[in-house]
Amino acid sequence: MSVVKRHWRRFLVAALVLIVGAALLLWSRPAAQAKLEALDLDDGGHATLAEPGEKPRSRVVVIAAPEQQLNDAQMLNLAHDSAARVIQYFPPENGDCRAQQSRLEAVIAHLGGKPNLVAGIGPGSTTAWRWLASQDDDKAKALSVGFDIALAERDCDAPLPHQASHGQWLLAWNDNPDDDTAVFVRKQSSAETSISDYDTPLSDVLAHQLRLQLQGNAEALPVLEVPAAKPSDIVTLFYSGDGGWRDLDKDSAEHMASMGYPVVGIDTLRYYWQHKSPEQSAADLSKLMQ
């Protein structure tokens, strides 16, 4: 009996060593890297496909002019960090809606499934909106960066959709949009808007918003710190006027800081562009004060 027990012990020890060894081997293996592939489309267009190096959890289309596109490093990082299959291209500029739709469909075919998110910048922001308006899936998302209603209505020869019955429309700018654009957007019940730091390049806004949507990080309260030259026990929380953090607001904060009072400014234009309830405003202020 003791001989049998000794054999079993040896077997268990050997099995344990094998399991630990296999686990260490798997742990030490480098993670699969994301990779890029240049694609030539049948209509003469071009696209870049980023594969995440693992089974993709989401599929993303990015529509941008060459000078505003994500660079190779951004594409690789986005695919790797988000486990997303990402394809980027630029639509035809001939004003032909059928040609634009045909290229979008050709690009989507390379994703291996329906996209979870279609994002566009400039003219691409309109293509993203048109795509959303054609969807019947409430989980569909479109991201439009720098959307302008006047440009959108001249985008191509088909009327601009006035509503999207399904999905969510995400919009981002680097300044306050004009009144006509604001009116159009606010008619959309599914629209969610944000304004980044003023004059941030739209390509940077696009990259930030893509990460925000794919990786789920909460957007921070739009604050700006104006430190005093010397440490102080007093901090001023300064809500800007409705024109945003500029001109008199900046000058006043800098003057207070020069007198030894550090300022934390809250940009009300960017913060309240998306509706905030009194309860949410109070909760955000409470977090800021902690």
C-alpha atoms as a PDB file:
ATOM      1  CA  MET A   1       0.000   0.000   0.000  1.00  0.00           C
ATOM      2  CA  SER A   2       2.856   2.345   0.884  1.00  0.00           C
ATOM      3  CA  VAL A   3       4.460   1.611  -2.507  1.00  0.00           C
ATOM      4  CA  VAL A   4       1.245   2.661  -4.266  1.00  0.00           C
ATOM      5  CA  LYS A   5       1.079   5.838  -2.197  1.00  0.00           C
ATOM      6  CA  ARG A   6       4.683   6.693  -3.073  1.00  0.00           C
ATOM      7  CA  HIS A   7       3.927   6.231  -6.782  1.00  0.00           C
ATOM      8  CA  TRP A   8       0.871   8.465  -6.499  1.00  0.00           C
ATOM      9  CA  ARG A   9       2.874  11.139  -4.688  1.00  0.00           C
ATOM     10  CA  ARG A  10       5.533  11.057  -7.391  1.00  0.00           C
ATOM     11  CA  PHE A  11       2.847  11.256 -10.073  1.00  0.00           C
ATOM     12  CA  LEU A  12       1.155  14.226  -8.380  1.00  0.00           C
ATOM     13  CA  VAL A  13       4.470  16.039  -7.903  1.00  0.00           C
ATOM     14  CA  ALA A  14       5.397  15.471 -11.544  1.00  0.00           C
ATOM     15  CA  ALA A  15       1.958  16.645 -12.695  1.00  0.00           C
ATOM     16  CA  LEU A  16       2.217  19.753 -10.506  1.00  0.00           C
ATOM     17  CA  VAL A  17       5.655  20.555 -11.918  1.00  0.00           C
ATOM     18  CA  LEU A  18       4.301  20.214 -15.467  1.00  0.00           C
ATOM     19  CA  ILE A  19       1.307  22.451 -14.715  1.00  0.00           C
ATOM     20  CA  VAL A  20       3.462  25.139 -13.087  1.00  0.00           C
ATOM     21  CA  GLY A  21       5.955  24.930 -15.941  1.00  0.00           C
ATOM     22  CA  ALA A  22       3.230  25.290 -18.549  1.00  0.00           C
ATOM     23  CA  ALA A  23       1.727  28.247 -16.674  1.00  0.00           C
ATOM     24  CA  LEU A  24       5.120  29.967 -16.478  1.00  0.00           C
ATOM     25  CA  LEU A  25       5.692  29.332 -20.166  1.00  0.00           C
ATOM     26  CA  LEU A  26       2.339  30.850 -21.097  1.00  0.00           C
ATOM     27  CA  TRP A  27       2.881  33.789 -18.756  1.00  0.00           C
ATOM     28  CA  SER A  28       6.337  34.514 -20.158  1.00  0.00           C
ATOM     29  CA  ARG A  29       5.257  34.358 -23.800  1.00  0.00           C
ATOM     30  CA  PRO A  30       5.027  37.832 -25.326  1.00  0.00           C
ATOM     31  CA  ALA A  31       1.504  38.983 -26.102  1.00  0.00           C
ATOM     32  CA  ALA A  32       0.531  38.952 -29.747  1.00  0.00           C
ATOM     33  CA  GLN A  33       1.227  42.317 -31.320  1.00  0.00           C
ATOM     34  CA  ALA A  34      -1.193  44.410 -33.332  1.00  0.00           C
ATOM     35  CA  LYS A  35      -0.369  44.690 -37.016  1.00  0.00           C
ATOM     36  CA  LEU A  36      -1.214  46.965 -39.932  1.00  0.00           C
ATOM     37  CA  GLU A  37      -2.242  46.062 -43.446  1.00  0.00           C
ATOM     38  CA  ALA A  38      -2.573  48.458 -46.386  1.00  0.00           C
ATOM     39  CA  LEU A  39      -5.593  47.703 -48.565  1.00  0.00           C
ATOM     40  CA  ASP A  40      -6.375  48.720 -52.137  1.00  0.00           C
ATOM     41  CA  LEU A  41     -10.110  49.024 -52.728  1.00  0.00           C
ATOM     42  CA  ASP A  42     -11.796  48.040 -55.996  1.00  0.00           C
ATOM     43  CA  ASP A  43     -12.864  51.633 -56.722  1.00  0.00           C
ATOM     44  CA  GLY A  44      -9.283  52.926 -56.526  1.00  0.00           C
ATOM     45  CA  GLY A  45      -9.468  54.032 -52.912  1.00  0.00           C
ATOM     46  CA  HIS A  46      -7.146  52.954 -50.126  1.00  0.00           C
ATOM     47  CA  ALA A  47      -7.628  51.849 -46.539  1.00  0.00           C
ATOM     48  CA  THR A  48      -5.504  50.800 -43.580  1.00  0.00           C
ATOM     49  CA  LEU A  49      -6.559  47.875 -41.404  1.00  0.00           C
ATOM     50  CA  ALA A  50      -5.239  47.414 -37.851  1.00  0.00           C
ATOM     51  CA  GLU A  51      -5.596  43.937 -36.337  1.00  0.00           C
ATOM     52  CA  PRO A  52      -5.387  43.678 -32.524  1.00  0.00           C
ATOM     53  CA  GLY A  53      -3.364  40.443 -32.310  1.00  0.00           C
ATOM     54  CA  GLU A  54      -6.199  38.708 -30.465  1.00  0.00           C
ATOM     55  CA  LYS A  55      -9.858  37.989 -31.099  1.00  0.00           C
ATOM     56  CA  PRO A  56     -11.411  41.433 -31.656  1.00  0.00           C
ATOM     57  CA  ARG A  57     -14.059  42.563 -29.191  1.00  0.00           C
ATOM     58  CA  SER A  58     -15.196  45.434 -31.390  1.00  0.00           C
ATOM     59  CA  ARG A  59     -15.025  46.608 -35.002  1.00  0.00           C
ATOM     60  CA  VAL A  60     -14.422  50.250 -35.853  1.00  0.00           C
ATOM     61  CA  VAL A  61     -14.455  52.324 -39.042  1.00  0.00           C
ATOM     62  CA  VAL A  62     -12.566  55.644 -39.086  1.00  0.00           C
ATOM     63  CA  ILE A  63     -13.242  58.118 -41.911  1.00  0.00           C
ATOM     64  CA  ALA A  64     -10.743  60.961 -42.238  1.00  0.00           C
ATOM     65  CA  ALA A  65      -8.841  63.004 -44.799  1.00  0.00           C
ATOM     66  CA  PRO A  66      -5.162  62.009 -45.154  1.00  0.00           C
ATOM     67  CA  GLU A  67      -3.924  65.033 -43.183  1.00  0.00           C
ATOM     68  CA  GLN A  68      -6.312  64.265 -40.301  1.00  0.00           C
ATOM     69  CA  GLN A  69      -5.984  60.503 -40.135  1.00  0.00           C
ATOM     70  CA  LEU A  70      -4.668  58.541 -37.191  1.00  0.00           C
ATOM     71  CA  ASN A  71      -0.997  57.734 -37.750  1.00  0.00           C
ATOM     72  CA  ASP A  72       0.325  54.172 -37.785  1.00  0.00           C
ATOM     73  CA  ALA A  73       1.308  54.231 -34.106  1.00  0.00           C
ATOM     74  CA  GLN A  74      -2.130  55.514 -33.070  1.00  0.00           C
ATOM     75  CA  MET A  75      -3.847  52.832 -35.149  1.00  0.00           C
ATOM     76  CA  LEU A  76      -1.703  50.067 -33.645  1.00  0.00           C
ATOM     77  CA  ASN A  77      -2.138  51.320 -30.086  1.00  0.00           C
ATOM     78  CA  LEU A  78      -5.891  51.709 -30.494  1.00  0.00           C
ATOM     79  CA  ALA A  79      -6.233  48.196 -31.902  1.00  0.00           C
ATOM     80  CA  HIS A  80      -3.975  46.652 -29.249  1.00  0.00           C
ATOM     81  CA  ASP A  81      -5.256  48.522 -26.189  1.00  0.00           C
ATOM     82  CA  SER A  82      -8.937  48.172 -27.135  1.00  0.00           C
ATOM     83  CA  ALA A  83      -8.833  44.697 -28.712  1.00  0.00           C
ATOM     84  CA  ALA A  84     -10.490  46.342 -31.706  1.00  0.00           C
ATOM     85  CA  ARG A  85     -10.234  45.691 -35.423  1.00  0.00           C
ATOM     86  CA  VAL A  86      -9.905  49.202 -36.846  1.00  0.00           C
ATOM     87  CA  ILE A  87     -10.044  50.243 -40.488  1.00  0.00           C
ATOM     88  CA  GLN A  88      -9.385  53.791 -41.692  1.00  0.00           C
ATOM     89  CA  TYR A  89     -10.115  55.357 -45.082  1.00  0.00           C
ATOM     90  CA  PHE A  90     -11.241  58.534 -46.835  1.00  0.00           C
ATOM     91  CA  PRO A  91     -14.491  58.694 -48.867  1.00  0.00           C
ATOM     92  CA  PRO A  92     -14.719  59.880 -52.487  1.00  0.00           C
ATOM     93  CA  GLU A  93     -14.870  63.662 -52.848  1.00  0.00           C
ATOM     94  CA  ASN A  94     -17.023  63.734 -55.986  1.00  0.00           C
ATOM     95  CA  GLY A  95     -20.300  64.490 -54.185  1.00  0.00           C
ATOM     96  CA  ASP A  96     -21.756  61.158 -55.303  1.00  0.00           C
ATOM     97  CA  CYS A  97     -23.653  59.585 -52.399  1.00  0.00           C
ATOM     98  CA  ARG A  98     -23.769  56.189 -54.103  1.00  0.00           C
ATOM     99  CA  ALA A  99     -19.990  56.177 -54.519  1.00  0.00           C
ATOM    100  CA  GLN A 100     -19.558  57.141 -50.860  1.00  0.00           C
ATOM    101  CA  GLN A 101     -21.936  54.399 -49.728  1.00  0.00           C
ATOM    102  CA  SER A 102     -20.277  51.841 -51.992  1.00  0.00           C
ATOM    103  CA  ARG A 103     -16.822  52.597 -50.573  1.00  0.00           C
ATOM    104  CA  LEU A 104     -18.089  52.428 -47.004  1.00  0.00           C
ATOM    105  CA  GLU A 105     -19.644  49.018 -47.696  1.00  0.00           C
ATOM    106  CA  ALA A 106     -16.385  47.803 -49.274  1.00  0.00           C
ATOM    107  CA  VAL A 107     -14.450  48.947 -46.214  1.00  0.00           C
ATOM    108  CA  ILE A 108     -16.889  47.312 -43.788  1.00  0.00           C
ATOM    109  CA  ALA A 109     -16.518  44.019 -45.674  1.00  0.00           C
ATOM    110  CA  HIS A 110     -12.887  43.876 -44.466  1.00  0.00           C
ATOM    111  CA  LEU A 111     -13.993  43.995 -40.812  1.00  0.00           C
ATOM    112  CA  GLY A 112     -15.516  40.531 -40.807  1.00  0.00           C
ATOM    113  CA  GLY A 113     -18.782  41.784 -39.351  1.00  0.00           C
ATOM    114  CA  LYS A 114     -20.905  44.869 -38.719  1.00  0.00           C
ATOM    115  CA  PRO A 115     -19.029  47.759 -37.091  1.00  0.00           C
ATOM    116  CA  ASN A 116     -19.853  48.719 -33.513  1.00  0.00           C
ATOM    117  CA  LEU A 117     -18.664  52.261 -34.153  1.00  0.00           C
ATOM    118  CA  VAL A 118     -18.270  54.407 -37.263  1.00  0.00           C
ATOM    119  CA  ALA A 119     -16.255  57.561 -36.607  1.00  0.00           C
ATOM    120  CA  GLY A 120     -15.585  60.456 -38.950  1.00  0.00           C
ATOM    121  CA  ILE A 121     -13.871  63.813 -38.908  1.00  0.00           C
ATOM    122  CA  GLY A 122     -14.773  66.777 -41.140  1.00  0.00           C
ATOM    123  CA  PRO A 123     -16.580  65.364 -44.223  1.00  0.00           C
ATOM    124  CA  GLY A 124     -16.301  61.929 -42.638  1.00  0.00           C
ATOM    125  CA  SER A 125     -18.444  63.146 -39.745  1.00  0.00           C
ATOM    126  CA  THR A 126     -21.363  63.413 -42.162  1.00  0.00           C
ATOM    127  CA  THR A 127     -20.740  59.910 -43.527  1.00  0.00           C
ATOM    128  CA  ALA A 128     -20.823  58.606 -39.957  1.00  0.00           C
ATOM    129  CA  TRP A 129     -24.191  60.315 -39.377  1.00  0.00           C
ATOM    130  CA  ARG A 130     -25.642  58.968 -42.634  1.00  0.00           C
ATOM    131  CA  TRP A 131     -24.511  55.466 -41.636  1.00  0.00           C
ATOM    132  CA  LEU A 132     -26.184  55.750 -38.228  1.00  0.00           C
ATOM    133  CA  ALA A 133     -29.434  56.966 -39.769  1.00  0.00           C
ATOM    134  CA  SER A 134     -29.562  53.755 -41.838  1.00  0.00           C
ATOM    135  CA  GLN A 135     -29.103  51.386 -38.881  1.00  0.00           C
ATOM    136  CA  ASP A 136     -31.760  49.289 -37.134  1.00  0.00           C
ATOM    137  CA  ASP A 137     -29.573  48.321 -34.147  1.00  0.00           C
ATOM    138  CA  ASP A 138     -29.955  50.316 -30.931  1.00  0.00           C
ATOM    139  CA  LYS A 139     -26.344  49.467 -30.015  1.00  0.00           C
ATOM    140  CA  ALA A 140     -24.909  51.130 -33.128  1.00  0.00           C
ATOM    141  CA  LYS A 141     -22.723  54.175 -32.486  1.00  0.00           C
ATOM    142  CA  ALA A 142     -21.530  56.965 -34.745  1.00  0.00           C
ATOM    143  CA  LEU A 143     -18.897  59.515 -33.740  1.00  0.00           C
ATOM    144  CA  SER A 144     -18.842  62.818 -35.641  1.00  0.00           C
ATOM    145  CA  VAL A 145     -15.896  65.132 -34.939  1.00  0.00           C
ATOM    146  CA  GLY A 146     -16.219  68.715 -36.154  1.00  0.00           C
ATOM    147  CA  PHE A 147     -19.702  68.169 -37.599  1.00  0.00           C
ATOM    148  CA  ASP A 148     -21.007  71.247 -39.459  1.00  0.00           C
ATOM    149  CA  ILE A 149     -24.583  71.266 -40.743  1.00  0.00           C
ATOM    150  CA  ALA A 150     -23.859  73.662 -43.635  1.00  0.00           C
ATOM    151  CA  LEU A 151     -21.089  71.399 -44.950  1.00  0.00           C
ATOM    152  CA  ALA A 152     -23.115  68.268 -44.227  1.00  0.00           C
ATOM    153  CA  GLU A 153     -26.035  69.425 -46.368  1.00  0.00           C
ATOM    154  CA  ARG A 154     -23.646  69.915 -49.317  1.00  0.00           C
ATOM    155  CA  ASP A 155     -21.816  66.646 -48.685  1.00  0.00           C
ATOM    156  CA  CYS A 156     -23.379  64.758 -51.573  1.00  0.00           C
ATOM    157  CA  ASP A 157     -26.392  64.662 -53.856  1.00  0.00           C
ATOM    158  CA  ALA A 158     -28.785  62.856 -51.469  1.00  0.00           C
ATOM    159  CA  PRO A 159     -30.768  64.735 -48.801  1.00  0.00           C
ATOM    160  CA  LEU A 160     -29.245  64.688 -45.332  1.00  0.00           C
ATOM    161  CA  PRO A 161     -31.204  62.425 -42.940  1.00  0.00           C
ATOM    162  CA  HIS A 162     -32.994  64.446 -40.274  1.00  0.00           C
ATOM    163  CA  GLN A 163     -33.327  61.629 -37.740  1.00  0.00           C
ATOM    164  CA  ALA A 164     -31.672  58.390 -36.659  1.00  0.00           C
ATOM    165  CA  SER A 165     -34.268  56.005 -35.245  1.00  0.00           C
ATOM    166  CA  HIS A 166     -31.718  53.690 -33.643  1.00  0.00           C
ATOM    167  CA  GLY A 167     -28.310  53.879 -32.021  1.00  0.00           C
ATOM    168  CA  GLN A 168     -26.362  56.718 -30.459  1.00  0.00           C
ATOM    169  CA  TRP A 169     -24.801  59.772 -32.095  1.00  0.00           C
ATOM    170  CA  LEU A 170     -21.664  61.087 -30.402  1.00  0.00           C
ATOM    171  CA  LEU A 171     -20.370  64.511 -31.411  1.00  0.00           C
ATOM    172  CA  ALA A 172     -17.228  66.407 -30.456  1.00  0.00           C
ATOM    173  CA  TRP A 173     -15.810  69.801 -31.390  1.00  0.00           C
ATOM    174  CA  ASN A 174     -12.849  71.936 -30.408  1.00  0.00           C
ATOM    175  CA  ASP A 175     -15.002  75.060 -30.071  1.00  0.00           C
ATOM    176  CA  ASN A 176     -18.634  76.070 -29.810  1.00  0.00           C
ATOM    177  CA  PRO A 177     -20.512  74.898 -32.965  1.00  0.00           C
ATOM    178  CA  ASP A 178     -22.541  77.455 -34.893  1.00  0.00           C
ATOM    179  CA  ASP A 179     -26.217  77.997 -34.103  1.00  0.00           C
ATOM    180  CA  ASP A 180     -27.635  76.047 -37.064  1.00  0.00           C
ATOM    181  CA  THR A 181     -25.485  73.025 -36.232  1.00  0.00           C
ATOM    182  CA  ALA A 182     -26.467  73.248 -32.568  1.00  0.00           C
ATOM    183  CA  VAL A 183     -30.183  73.381 -33.435  1.00  0.00           C
ATOM    184  CA  PHE A 184     -29.906  70.332 -35.716  1.00  0.00           C
ATOM    185  CA  VAL A 185     -27.995  68.307 -33.121  1.00  0.00           C
ATOM    186  CA  ARG A 186     -30.301  69.183 -30.242  1.00  0.00           C
ATOM    187  CA  LYS A 187     -33.248  67.811 -32.181  1.00  0.00           C
ATOM    188  CA  GLN A 188     -31.648  64.362 -32.012  1.00  0.00           C
ATOM    189  CA  SER A 189     -32.749  62.491 -28.902  1.00  0.00           C
ATOM    190  CA  SER A 190     -29.802  60.101 -29.178  1.00  0.00           C
ATOM    191  CA  ALA A 191     -27.115  62.789 -29.472  1.00  0.00           C
ATOM    192  CA  GLU A 192     -24.359  63.125 -26.874  1.00  0.00           C
ATOM    193  CA  THR A 193     -22.036  66.100 -27.280  1.00  0.00           C
ATOM    194  CA  SER A 194     -18.720  67.333 -25.930  1.00  0.00           C
ATOM    195  CA  ILE A 195     -16.322  70.214 -26.533  1.00  0.00           C
ATOM    196  CA  SER A 196     -12.605  69.608 -26.069  1.00  0.00           C
ATOM    197  CA  ASP A 197      -9.995  72.172 -25.078  1.00  0.00           C
ATOM    198  CA  TYR A 198     -10.259  75.078 -27.492  1.00  0.00           C
ATOM    199  CA  ASP A 199      -8.183  74.878 -30.656  1.00  0.00           C
ATOM    200  CA  THR A 200      -7.161  71.272 -29.978  1.00  0.00           C
ATOM    201  CA  PRO A 201      -6.458  69.775 -33.425  1.00  0.00           C
ATOM    202  CA  LEU A 202      -9.513  67.834 -34.551  1.00  0.00           C
ATOM    203  CA  SER A 203      -7.316  64.807 -35.237  1.00  0.00           C
ATOM    204  CA  ASP A 204      -6.386  64.790 -31.523  1.00  0.00           C
ATOM    205  CA  VAL A 205     -10.055  65.140 -30.591  1.00  0.00           C
ATOM    206  CA  LEU A 206     -10.815  62.131 -32.798  1.00  0.00           C
ATOM    207  CA  ALA A 207      -8.071  60.003 -31.210  1.00  0.00           C
ATOM    208  CA  HIS A 208      -9.207  60.938 -27.695  1.00  0.00           C
ATOM    209  CA  GLN A 209     -12.872  60.240 -28.371  1.00  0.00           C
ATOM    210  CA  LEU A 210     -12.120  56.870 -29.954  1.00  0.00           C
ATOM    211  CA  ARG A 211     -10.217  55.782 -26.854  1.00  0.00           C
ATOM    212  CA  LEU A 212     -12.995  57.128 -24.667  1.00  0.00           C
ATOM    213  CA  GLN A 213     -15.622  55.063 -26.470  1.00  0.00           C
ATOM    214  CA  LEU A 214     -13.596  51.872 -26.827  1.00  0.00           C
ATOM    215  CA  GLN A 215     -11.959  51.804 -23.413  1.00  0.00           C
ATOM    216  CA  GLY A 216     -14.790  53.242 -21.347  1.00  0.00           C
ATOM    217  CA  ASN A 217     -12.933  55.919 -19.379  1.00  0.00           C
ATOM    218  CA  ALA A 218     -15.223  58.580 -17.967  1.00  0.00           C
ATOM    219  CA  GLU A 219     -14.852  62.090 -19.337  1.00  0.00           C
ATOM    220  CA  ALA A 220     -13.397  64.409 -16.724  1.00  0.00           C
ATOM    221  CA  LEU A 221     -14.987  67.649 -15.567  1.00  0.00           C
ATOM    222  CA  PRO A 222     -13.446  70.318 -17.859  1.00  0.00           C
ATOM    223  CA  VAL A 223     -11.201  72.127 -15.393  1.00  0.00           C
ATOM    224  CA  LEU A 224      -8.170  74.358 -15.850  1.00  0.00           C
ATOM    225  CA  GLU A 225      -5.644  74.954 -13.098  1.00  0.00           C
ATOM    226  CA  VAL A 226      -4.053  78.369 -12.603  1.00  0.00           C
ATOM    227  CA  PRO A 227      -1.460  77.855  -9.838  1.00  0.00           C
ATOM    228  CA  ALA A 228      -0.165  80.627  -7.620  1.00  0.00           C
ATOM    229  CA  ALA A 229       3.554  81.319  -7.377  1.00  0.00           C
ATOM    230  CA  LYS A 230       3.555  80.349  -3.680  1.00  0.00           C
ATOM    231  CA  PRO A 231       1.652  77.587  -1.828  1.00  0.00           C
ATOM    232  CA  SER A 232      -1.682  78.647  -0.338  1.00  0.00           C
ATOM    233  CA  ASP A 233      -4.339  77.121   1.919  1.00  0.00           C
ATOM    234  CA  ILE A 234      -7.052  78.811  -0.150  1.00  0.00           C
ATOM    235  CA  VAL A 235      -8.204  77.552  -3.551  1.00  0.00           C
ATOM    236  CA  THR A 236     -10.814  79.349  -5.636  1.00  0.00           C
ATOM    237  CA  LEU A 237     -13.269  77.348  -7.754  1.00  0.00           C
ATOM    238  CA  PHE A 238     -14.111  79.660 -10.635  1.00  0.00           C
ATOM    239  CA  TYR A 239     -17.040  78.902 -12.980  1.00  0.00           C
ATOM    240  CA  SER A 240     -16.569  80.687 -16.303  1.00  0.00           C
ATOM    241  CA  GLY A 241     -19.230  82.667 -18.110  1.00  0.00           C
ATOM    242  CA  ASP A 242     -21.350  81.003 -20.788  1.00  0.00           C
ATOM    243  CA  GLY A 243     -18.777  81.865 -23.447  1.00  0.00           C
ATOM    244  CA  GLY A 244     -16.278  79.431 -21.976  1.00  0.00           C
ATOM    245  CA  TRP A 245     -12.868  79.809 -20.360  1.00  0.00           C
ATOM    246  CA  ARG A 246     -11.367  82.751 -22.220  1.00  0.00           C
ATOM    247  CA  ASP A 247     -10.796  86.514 -22.131  1.00  0.00           C
ATOM    248  CA  LEU A 248     -12.093  88.002 -18.850  1.00  0.00           C
ATOM    249  CA  ASP A 249     -12.264  84.628 -17.081  1.00  0.00           C
ATOM    250  CA  LYS A 250      -8.628  83.847 -17.870  1.00  0.00           C
ATOM    251  CA  ASP A 251      -7.466  87.361 -17.013  1.00  0.00           C
ATOM    252  CA  SER A 252      -9.308  87.332 -13.668  1.00  0.00           C
ATOM    253  CA  ALA A 253      -7.917  83.916 -12.730  1.00  0.00           C
ATOM    254  CA  GLU A 254      -4.370  84.937 -13.631  1.00  0.00           C
ATOM    255  CA  HIS A 255      -4.745  88.125 -11.573  1.00  0.00           C
ATOM    256  CA  MET A 256      -5.948  86.146  -8.541  1.00  0.00           C
ATOM    257  CA  ALA A 257      -3.063  83.695  -8.947  1.00  0.00           C
ATOM    258  CA  SER A 258      -0.592  86.585  -9.075  1.00  0.00           C
ATOM    259  CA  MET A 259      -1.978  87.720  -5.698  1.00  0.00           C
ATOM    260  CA  GLY A 260      -1.306  84.294  -4.194  1.00  0.00           C
ATOM    261  CA  TYR A 261      -4.708  82.633  -4.680  1.00  0.00           C
ATOM    262  CA  PRO A 262      -4.597  79.518  -6.895  1.00  0.00           C
ATOM    263  CA  VAL A 263      -7.628  79.007  -9.126  1.00  0.00           C
ATOM    264  CA  VAL A 264      -9.373  75.925 -10.471  1.00  0.00           C
ATOM    265  CA  GLY A 265     -11.506  77.054 -13.398  1.00  0.00           C
ATOM    266  CA  ILE A 266     -14.578  75.190 -14.631  1.00  0.00           C
ATOM    267  CA  ASP A 267     -15.393  75.779 -18.286  1.00  0.00           C
ATOM    268  CA  THR A 268     -19.181  76.087 -18.242  1.00  0.00           C
ATOM    269  CA  LEU A 269     -19.534  76.164 -22.030  1.00  0.00           C
ATOM    270  CA  ARG A 270     -17.935  72.738 -22.383  1.00  0.00           C
ATOM    271  CA  TYR A 271     -19.495  71.349 -19.204  1.00  0.00           C
ATOM    272  CA  TYR A 272     -23.094  72.422 -19.808  1.00  0.00           C
ATOM    273  CA  TRP A 273     -23.099  71.934 -23.572  1.00  0.00           C
ATOM    274  CA  GLN A 274     -24.440  68.481 -22.730  1.00  0.00           C
ATOM    275  CA  HIS A 275     -27.424  68.876 -20.368  1.00  0.00           C
ATOM    276  CA  LYS A 276     -26.583  68.433 -16.681  1.00  0.00           C
ATOM    277  CA  SER A 277     -29.217  68.163 -13.966  1.00  0.00           C
ATOM    278  CA  PRO A 278     -28.784  70.152 -10.727  1.00  0.00           C
ATOM    279  CA  GLU A 279     -28.118  66.848  -8.943  1.00  0.00           C
ATOM    280  CA  GLN A 280     -25.341  65.892 -11.374  1.00  0.00           C
ATOM    281  CA  SER A 281     -23.807  69.377 -11.171  1.00  0.00           C
ATOM    282  CA  ALA A 282     -23.748  69.120  -7.382  1.00  0.00           C
ATOM    283  CA  ALA A 283     -22.231  65.623  -7.489  1.00  0.00           C
ATOM    284  CA  ASP A 284     -19.492  66.713  -9.909  1.00  0.00           C
ATOM    285  CA  LEU A 285     -18.687  69.752  -7.772  1.00  0.00           C
ATOM    286  CA  SER A 286     -18.510  67.541  -4.689  1.00  0.00           C
ATOM    287  CA  LYS A 287     -16.003  65.237  -6.417  1.00  0.00           C
ATOM    288  CA  LEU A 288     -13.929  68.228  -7.482  1.00  0.00           C
ATOM    289  CA  MET A 289     -13.777  69.546  -3.922  1.00  0.00           C
ATOM    290  CA  GLN A 290     -12.557  66.252  -2.474  1.00  0.00           C
END
